[in-house]
């Protein structure tokens, strides 16, 4: 089982990310190279990167399964404002270069939101931008399947297919499935095998390179995108475990993006990462209905 979670990228950069992943019992992880909501980026420290790679090798973490996520502020779909559109393209180029420096193979990207323009034009904008940034790079951009909230694109297989079909460099484009997003877009995760069959016919399973494993707070087809902790949402533990153990995707890294667990102590709200406990629960293959309480107790100590 290749499983990990979202981790931070702070003062120790990739080395800190590796240390956090190890503390969760993970053998892969996903990170942003800076805050996902802004453009602030620190220069990459080569010494920290070398230490990170050494620590990964010592703990059986294959860098080829580690995932980077592009910042949310990139929107390749809308070109009504040329300056904003070109900013998104150039910022994505910069993120790709940072991945190259870190020897990271996969960069997950939200396709974008049309925001007032026709969907077919927006899809062509995404294709145009990707064809500009995917030239002469070792990094593969993974289009994330989206929930369909607002005007975001990538919530249907046909939209993902259109983008892939029109990207020139097919070796540098792939897909990241997100279970919460798929549920909220209307794909029944209790019938994941059937979904994969359809996906294979429409797009091709060879393009799937990562899966975000998240439960959902929403009903099927709600188009809302609100993640829930494993086993505490509408998808459910058994369905998520079946997805993780799907033989066709056994070599694909699975990444948890579930919510931190909140608790009010001394009039202060504290948040605890659930990943160590959720990863262990999934490895054990048995739902722990008391996991949220266990998390709180652990971090209070």
Protein backbone atom coordinates (compact mmCIF):
# COMPACT_ATOMS: atom_id res chain seq x y z
CA UNK A 1 0.00 0.00 0.00
CA UNK A 2 1.55 3.29 -1.12
CA UNK A 3 -0.16 5.75 1.20
CA UNK A 4 0.54 9.14 2.72
CA UNK A 5 -1.02 12.53 3.25
CA UNK A 6 -0.66 16.22 2.69
CA UNK A 7 2.30 17.53 4.71
CA UNK A 8 3.79 20.99 5.27
CA UNK A 9 6.76 22.56 3.47
CA UNK A 10 8.15 25.01 6.02
CA UNK A 11 11.57 26.17 7.18
CA UNK A 12 13.14 22.78 6.54
CA UNK A 13 11.41 22.58 3.16
CA UNK A 14 11.39 19.06 1.66
CA UNK A 15 13.31 17.66 4.65
CA UNK A 16 10.55 18.85 6.98
CA UNK A 17 7.95 17.29 4.68
CA UNK A 18 9.73 13.93 4.83
CA UNK A 19 10.04 14.05 8.62
CA UNK A 20 6.32 14.79 8.96
CA UNK A 21 5.39 11.96 6.58
CA UNK A 22 7.55 9.50 8.54
CA UNK A 23 5.87 10.57 11.79
CA UNK A 24 2.53 9.50 10.26
CA UNK A 25 3.82 6.07 9.24
CA UNK A 26 3.51 7.06 5.57
CA UNK A 27 5.58 5.82 2.64
CA UNK A 28 4.69 8.73 0.36
CA UNK A 29 3.35 12.28 0.78
CA UNK A 30 2.08 15.40 -0.98
CA UNK A 31 3.18 18.99 -0.44
CA UNK A 32 2.91 22.52 -1.80
CA UNK A 33 6.20 24.36 -2.39
CA UNK A 34 4.66 27.39 -0.69
CA UNK A 35 1.28 28.61 0.52
CA UNK A 36 -1.40 27.46 -1.97
CA UNK A 37 -3.27 30.78 -1.75
CA UNK A 38 -0.43 33.20 -2.55
CA UNK A 39 2.69 33.71 -4.66
CA UNK A 40 5.28 33.88 -1.86
CA UNK A 41 8.01 31.33 -2.51
CA UNK A 42 11.32 30.81 -0.72
CA UNK A 43 14.41 29.82 -2.68
CA UNK A 44 14.99 26.09 -2.55
CA UNK A 45 17.86 24.95 -0.31
CA UNK A 46 19.87 22.24 -2.09
CA UNK A 47 21.39 20.98 1.16
CA UNK A 48 17.95 20.43 2.67
CA UNK A 49 16.83 18.69 -0.51
CA UNK A 50 19.83 16.32 -0.38
CA UNK A 51 19.13 15.53 3.27
CA UNK A 52 15.48 14.90 2.40
CA UNK A 53 16.40 12.44 -0.34
CA UNK A 54 18.76 10.59 2.01
CA UNK A 55 16.07 10.35 4.70
CA UNK A 56 13.55 9.09 2.13
CA UNK A 57 15.92 6.35 1.02
CA UNK A 58 16.51 5.31 4.64
CA UNK A 59 12.75 5.04 5.23
CA UNK A 60 11.69 3.32 1.99
CA UNK A 61 9.98 6.38 0.52
CA UNK A 62 10.34 6.37 -3.26
CA UNK A 63 10.68 9.93 -4.54
CA UNK A 64 8.98 8.82 -7.77
CA UNK A 65 5.71 8.38 -5.84
CA UNK A 66 5.92 11.73 -4.02
CA UNK A 67 3.38 14.33 -5.18
CA UNK A 68 3.55 18.11 -5.40
CA UNK A 69 0.35 20.17 -5.66
CA UNK A 70 0.12 23.39 -7.65
CA UNK A 71 -1.32 26.44 -5.82
CA UNK A 72 -5.04 27.15 -6.02
CA UNK A 73 -4.48 30.65 -7.39
CA UNK A 74 -3.49 29.27 -10.80
CA UNK A 75 -6.44 29.44 -13.20
CA UNK A 76 -5.64 28.39 -16.75
CA UNK A 77 -9.28 28.42 -17.88
CA UNK A 78 -10.05 32.14 -17.97
CA UNK A 79 -8.23 34.58 -20.25
CA UNK A 80 -10.55 37.60 -20.01
CA UNK A 81 -7.69 39.47 -18.31
CA UNK A 82 -4.49 38.79 -20.24
CA UNK A 83 -2.25 39.80 -17.34
CA UNK A 84 -3.93 37.36 -14.94
CA UNK A 85 -3.96 34.57 -17.50
CA UNK A 86 -0.28 35.04 -18.32
CA UNK A 87 0.50 35.23 -14.61
CA UNK A 88 -1.12 31.80 -14.12
CA UNK A 89 0.89 30.33 -16.99
CA UNK A 90 4.17 31.78 -15.76
CA UNK A 91 3.51 30.82 -12.15
CA UNK A 92 2.78 27.24 -13.21
CA UNK A 93 6.03 27.26 -15.19
CA UNK A 94 7.83 28.33 -12.04
CA UNK A 95 6.21 25.56 -9.98
CA UNK A 96 7.27 23.02 -12.60
CA UNK A 97 10.86 24.30 -12.38
CA UNK A 98 10.75 23.97 -8.59
CA UNK A 99 9.56 20.38 -8.98
CA UNK A 100 12.47 19.73 -11.34
CA UNK A 101 14.91 21.13 -8.78
CA UNK A 102 13.41 18.86 -6.12
CA UNK A 103 13.40 15.81 -8.44
CA UNK A 104 9.62 15.53 -8.07
CA UNK A 105 7.91 13.78 -10.96
CA UNK A 106 4.21 14.65 -10.43
CA UNK A 107 2.46 18.01 -10.03
CA UNK A 108 -1.30 17.95 -9.34
CA UNK A 109 -3.28 20.82 -10.87
CA UNK A 110 -6.89 21.99 -10.60
CA UNK A 111 -7.83 22.49 -14.28
CA UNK A 112 -9.44 25.88 -13.67
CA UNK A 113 -12.73 27.79 -13.60
CA UNK A 114 -14.39 29.43 -16.59
CA UNK A 115 -15.75 32.40 -14.55
CA UNK A 116 -18.07 33.97 -17.08
CA UNK A 117 -16.81 32.56 -20.38
CA UNK A 118 -18.10 29.59 -22.34
CA UNK A 119 -16.85 26.21 -21.13
CA UNK A 120 -15.52 25.17 -24.55
CA UNK A 121 -13.42 28.35 -24.76
CA UNK A 122 -12.19 27.80 -21.20
CA UNK A 123 -11.12 24.25 -22.05
CA UNK A 124 -9.17 25.54 -25.04
CA UNK A 125 -7.49 28.08 -22.74
CA UNK A 126 -6.35 25.23 -20.46
CA UNK A 127 -5.00 23.29 -23.44
CA UNK A 128 -3.15 26.33 -24.78
CA UNK A 129 -1.54 27.01 -21.40
CA UNK A 130 -0.53 23.39 -20.83
CA UNK A 131 1.04 23.17 -24.25
CA UNK A 132 3.15 26.19 -23.32
CA UNK A 133 4.37 24.81 -19.98
CA UNK A 134 4.80 21.11 -20.83
CA UNK A 135 7.54 21.64 -23.37
CA UNK A 136 10.94 20.23 -22.42
CA UNK A 137 10.24 19.17 -18.84
CA UNK A 138 10.53 15.95 -16.85
CA UNK A 139 7.47 16.85 -14.71
CA UNK A 140 4.04 15.36 -15.38
CA UNK A 141 1.02 17.59 -14.65
CA UNK A 142 -1.88 15.62 -13.19
CA UNK A 143 -5.34 17.05 -13.84
CA UNK A 144 -7.38 16.65 -10.67
CA UNK A 145 -10.97 15.47 -11.01
CA UNK A 146 -13.16 18.24 -9.58
CA UNK A 147 -16.53 18.39 -7.81
CA UNK A 148 -18.11 20.84 -10.28
CA UNK A 149 -18.50 23.65 -7.74
CA UNK A 150 -19.34 26.98 -9.36
CA UNK A 151 -17.78 27.21 -12.82
CA UNK A 152 -14.85 24.86 -12.22
CA UNK A 153 -13.95 22.48 -15.02
CA UNK A 154 -12.79 18.88 -14.77
CA UNK A 155 -15.85 17.41 -13.07
CA UNK A 156 -16.75 15.26 -16.08
CA UNK A 157 -14.66 12.61 -17.81
CA UNK A 158 -15.40 14.27 -21.13
CA UNK A 159 -13.76 17.54 -20.02
CA UNK A 160 -10.67 15.72 -18.75
CA UNK A 161 -10.54 13.72 -21.99
CA UNK A 162 -10.77 16.87 -24.12
CA UNK A 163 -7.80 18.43 -22.36
CA UNK A 164 -5.66 15.28 -22.59
CA UNK A 165 -6.60 14.68 -26.23
CA UNK A 166 -5.44 18.17 -27.18
CA UNK A 167 -2.26 18.34 -25.12
CA UNK A 168 0.63 17.74 -27.51
CA UNK A 169 3.05 16.13 -25.06
CA UNK A 170 1.07 13.12 -23.86
CA UNK A 171 4.02 11.85 -21.78
CA UNK A 172 3.66 14.85 -19.46
CA UNK A 173 -0.08 14.78 -18.76
CA UNK A 174 -1.99 12.54 -16.36
CA UNK A 175 -4.91 12.43 -13.93
CA UNK A 176 -5.32 12.59 -10.16
CA UNK A 177 -8.59 11.03 -8.98
CA UNK A 178 -10.16 12.58 -5.87
CA UNK A 179 -12.78 10.42 -4.18
CA UNK A 180 -14.62 13.31 -2.48
CA UNK A 181 -14.68 15.30 -5.72
CA UNK A 182 -15.87 12.30 -7.71
CA UNK A 183 -18.68 11.65 -5.22
CA UNK A 184 -19.74 15.29 -5.26
CA UNK A 185 -19.58 15.34 -9.07
CA UNK A 186 -22.03 12.42 -9.20
CA UNK A 187 -19.83 9.32 -9.51
CA UNK A 188 -20.89 6.57 -7.09
CA UNK A 189 -17.78 5.44 -5.19
CA UNK A 190 -19.57 2.29 -4.01
CA UNK A 191 -19.31 1.20 -7.66
CA UNK A 192 -15.65 2.10 -8.12
CA UNK A 193 -14.82 -0.90 -10.31
CA UNK A 194 -17.56 0.10 -12.74
CA UNK A 195 -16.30 3.69 -12.64
CA UNK A 196 -12.79 2.52 -13.55
CA UNK A 197 -14.18 0.56 -16.49
CA UNK A 198 -15.88 3.70 -17.81
CA UNK A 199 -12.79 5.80 -17.11
CA UNK A 200 -10.65 3.32 -19.01
CA UNK A 201 -12.93 3.44 -22.05
CA UNK A 202 -13.23 7.24 -22.08
CA UNK A 203 -9.71 8.31 -21.03
CA UNK A 204 -7.52 5.29 -20.24
CA UNK A 205 -6.34 3.98 -16.86
CA UNK A 206 -2.72 4.52 -17.92
CA UNK A 207 -3.25 8.23 -17.21
CA UNK A 208 -4.12 7.72 -13.51
CA UNK A 209 -1.00 8.51 -11.48
CA UNK A 210 -2.38 9.56 -8.07
CA UNK A 211 -5.53 9.22 -5.95
CA UNK A 212 -6.68 11.62 -3.26
CA UNK A 213 -8.48 9.49 -0.67
CA UNK A 214 -11.11 11.60 1.08
CA UNK A 215 -14.55 10.96 2.50
CA UNK A 216 -17.26 13.52 1.69
CA UNK A 217 -19.61 15.54 3.87
CA UNK A 218 -22.01 15.76 0.95
CA UNK A 219 -24.50 13.56 -0.83
CA UNK A 220 -23.79 12.11 -4.26
CA UNK A 221 -23.84 14.78 -6.97
CA UNK A 222 -24.00 17.76 -4.58
CA UNK A 223 -21.17 19.64 -6.37
CA UNK A 224 -19.98 21.14 -3.06
CA UNK A 225 -16.49 19.74 -2.35
CA UNK A 226 -16.31 19.34 1.45
CA UNK A 227 -13.92 16.66 2.66
CA UNK A 228 -14.70 14.42 5.66
CA UNK A 229 -12.50 12.14 7.74
CA UNK A 230 -12.19 8.53 6.58
CA UNK A 231 -15.34 6.62 7.48
CA UNK A 232 -17.24 9.67 8.73
CA UNK A 233 -18.75 10.79 5.44
CA UNK A 234 -21.19 9.67 2.79
CA UNK A 235 -18.66 7.49 0.92
CA UNK A 236 -17.82 5.38 3.94
CA UNK A 237 -14.84 3.37 5.18
CA UNK A 238 -15.55 0.15 3.28
CA UNK A 239 -15.84 1.89 -0.08
CA UNK A 240 -12.65 3.89 0.49
CA UNK A 241 -10.78 0.76 1.60
CA UNK A 242 -11.95 -1.03 -1.55
CA UNK A 243 -10.63 1.86 -3.64
CA UNK A 244 -7.25 1.78 -1.90
CA UNK A 245 -7.01 -1.99 -2.39
CA UNK A 246 -8.11 -1.95 -6.04
CA UNK A 247 -5.65 -4.25 -7.80
CA UNK A 248 -5.58 -2.18 -11.00
CA UNK A 249 -4.27 0.82 -9.03
CA UNK A 250 -2.04 -0.96 -6.50
CA UNK A 251 1.11 0.91 -7.60
CA UNK A 252 -0.56 4.33 -7.57
CA UNK A 253 0.17 6.60 -4.56
CA UNK A 254 -2.86 7.33 -2.35
CA UNK A 255 -2.90 10.70 -0.57
CA UNK A 256 -5.15 11.72 2.35
CA UNK A 257 -6.43 15.32 2.47
CA UNK A 258 -8.90 14.83 5.31
CA UNK A 259 -9.70 17.60 7.82
CA UNK A 260 -7.73 18.23 10.99
CA UNK A 261 -9.60 17.26 14.16
CA UNK A 262 -10.77 20.25 16.17
CA UNK A 263 -11.08 20.61 19.91
CA UNK A 264 -11.74 23.57 22.19
CA UNK A 265 -9.41 23.65 25.19
CA UNK A 266 -9.15 26.60 27.58
CA UNK A 267 -11.17 28.75 25.16
CA UNK A 268 -8.69 28.03 22.37
CA UNK A 269 -9.47 25.98 19.30
CA UNK A 270 -6.77 23.42 18.58
CA UNK A 271 -6.47 21.33 15.45
CA UNK A 272 -4.77 17.95 15.26
CA UNK A 273 -3.64 16.07 12.12
CA UNK A 274 -5.54 12.78 11.71
CA UNK A 275 -3.17 11.15 9.24
CA UNK A 276 -1.15 8.82 11.48
CA UNK A 277 -4.37 7.27 12.77
CA UNK A 278 -6.20 7.16 9.44
CA UNK A 279 -3.23 5.59 7.67
CA UNK A 280 -2.95 2.91 10.36
CA UNK A 281 -6.69 2.25 10.21
CA UNK A 282 -6.52 1.78 6.44
CA UNK A 283 -3.47 -0.48 6.71
CA UNK A 284 -5.30 -2.58 9.33
CA UNK A 285 -8.38 -2.70 7.11
CA UNK A 286 -10.72 -2.20 10.05
CA UNK A 287 -12.80 0.87 10.87
CA UNK A 288 -12.15 2.46 14.27
CA UNK A 289 -15.31 4.30 15.28
CA UNK A 290 -13.40 5.95 18.14
CA UNK A 291 -10.57 7.27 15.99
CA UNK A 292 -11.49 10.96 16.47
CA UNK A 293 -11.36 10.57 20.24
CA UNK A 294 -8.07 8.65 19.96
CA UNK A 295 -6.55 11.50 17.95
CA UNK A 296 -7.56 14.09 20.54
CA UNK A 297 -6.23 11.99 23.41
CA UNK A 298 -2.91 11.39 21.66
CA UNK A 299 -2.16 15.05 20.99
CA UNK A 300 -3.35 16.23 24.42
CA UNK A 301 -0.53 14.12 25.87
